[in-house]
Amino acid sequence: MDKVEVKKPTKEELESMEVKSWPTWGCEASSFDWEYDDKESCYIIEGDVTVVTPEGEVKFGAGDFVVFPKGLKCKWNVHQRVLKHYKFG
């Protein structure tokens, strides 16, 4: 299985992917299990999150671009309210 990828995108990269046109999702501080039926790419607008995967912890927050591989089973630990743009596939 592929790993979760986290990077700091440039403004140009975000514009070329048209990230601002993607839908948004948010949630308050919480913890929950999640499984990805498809690859998800997302840009974190606000928040502080640790995702626990079989390979370890992945931390990300505002300004990060995160890619979750299809088939990943993980636990989300949202430390501060998260808001993200997201796209599947």
Protein backbone atom coordinates (compact mmCIF):
# COMPACT_ATOMS: atom_id res chain seq x y z
CA MET A 1 0.00 0.00 0.00
CA ASP A 2 1.18 3.51 -0.75
CA LYS A 3 1.94 5.92 2.06
CA VAL A 4 0.15 9.14 2.95
CA GLU A 5 1.94 12.01 1.19
CA VAL A 6 2.16 15.48 2.73
CA LYS A 7 3.71 18.52 1.05
CA LYS A 8 3.57 22.31 1.04
CA PRO A 9 2.24 23.29 -2.40
CA THR A 10 3.06 26.54 -4.15
CA LYS A 11 0.34 29.01 -5.04
CA GLU A 12 0.90 28.09 -8.69
CA GLU A 13 0.43 24.37 -8.00
CA LEU A 14 -2.85 25.05 -6.18
CA GLU A 15 -4.08 27.25 -9.03
CA SER A 16 -3.14 24.70 -11.71
CA MET A 17 -5.14 21.99 -9.87
CA GLU A 18 -8.05 24.44 -9.35
CA VAL A 19 -8.16 23.43 -5.68
CA LYS A 20 -10.46 26.32 -4.72
CA SER A 21 -13.17 24.83 -6.97
CA TRP A 22 -13.12 21.52 -5.04
CA PRO A 23 -15.81 20.89 -2.39
CA THR A 24 -14.98 21.50 1.26
CA TRP A 25 -15.37 19.34 4.35
CA GLY A 26 -14.80 20.18 7.98
CA CYS A 27 -15.20 18.81 11.47
CA GLU A 28 -14.59 19.84 15.05
CA ALA A 29 -11.94 18.31 17.30
CA SER A 30 -12.65 14.57 17.45
CA SER A 31 -11.25 11.09 16.79
CA PHE A 32 -12.67 8.57 14.33
CA ASP A 33 -11.72 5.54 12.23
CA TRP A 34 -11.73 5.96 8.44
CA GLU A 35 -11.17 3.83 5.35
CA TYR A 36 -10.48 5.27 1.89
CA ASP A 37 -12.51 3.60 -0.88
CA ASP A 38 -10.67 5.78 -3.41
CA LYS A 39 -7.57 7.96 -3.52
CA GLU A 40 -8.23 11.36 -1.91
CA SER A 41 -6.25 14.55 -2.46
CA CYS A 42 -6.93 17.44 -0.13
CA TYR A 43 -5.69 20.89 0.75
CA ILE A 44 -5.92 21.80 4.42
CA ILE A 45 -7.35 25.30 4.87
CA GLU A 46 -7.28 25.21 8.68
CA GLY A 47 -6.72 22.74 11.47
CA ASP A 48 -4.26 20.42 13.15
CA VAL A 49 -4.57 16.68 12.53
CA THR A 50 -2.67 13.46 13.28
CA VAL A 51 -3.64 10.41 11.25
CA VAL A 52 -2.53 7.03 12.61
CA THR A 53 -1.82 4.50 9.86
CA PRO A 54 -0.42 0.96 10.00
CA GLU A 55 2.98 2.53 9.16
CA GLY A 56 2.88 5.21 11.87
CA GLU A 57 1.62 8.72 12.54
CA VAL A 58 1.25 11.43 9.90
CA LYS A 59 0.80 15.02 11.09
CA PHE A 60 -0.51 17.87 8.97
CA GLY A 61 -2.27 21.20 9.22
CA ALA A 62 -3.13 24.46 7.50
CA GLY A 63 -1.27 24.93 4.20
CA ASP A 64 -0.52 21.23 3.65
CA PHE A 65 -1.54 19.22 0.59
CA VAL A 66 -2.24 15.61 1.58
CA VAL A 67 -2.82 12.52 -0.58
CA PHE A 68 -4.42 9.44 0.98
CA PRO A 69 -4.05 6.18 -1.01
CA LYS A 70 -7.01 4.01 -1.94
CA GLY A 71 -7.56 1.22 0.59
CA LEU A 72 -5.93 3.02 3.53
CA LYS A 73 -7.45 2.24 6.95
CA CYS A 74 -6.55 4.82 9.55
CA LYS A 75 -7.65 6.79 12.60
CA TRP A 76 -8.09 10.55 12.40
CA ASN A 77 -7.24 12.56 15.52
CA VAL A 78 -8.45 16.12 14.88
CA HIS A 79 -6.76 18.34 17.47
CA GLN A 80 -8.12 21.66 16.15
CA ARG A 81 -11.15 22.13 13.88
CA VAL A 82 -10.22 21.05 10.36
CA LEU A 83 -11.45 22.50 7.08
CA LYS A 84 -10.23 21.16 3.75
CA HIS A 85 -10.82 21.20 0.01
CA TYR A 86 -10.92 17.60 -1.27
CA LYS A 87 -11.09 15.55 -4.46
CA PHE A 88 -11.45 11.79 -4.97
CA GLY A 89 -9.81 9.80 -7.74
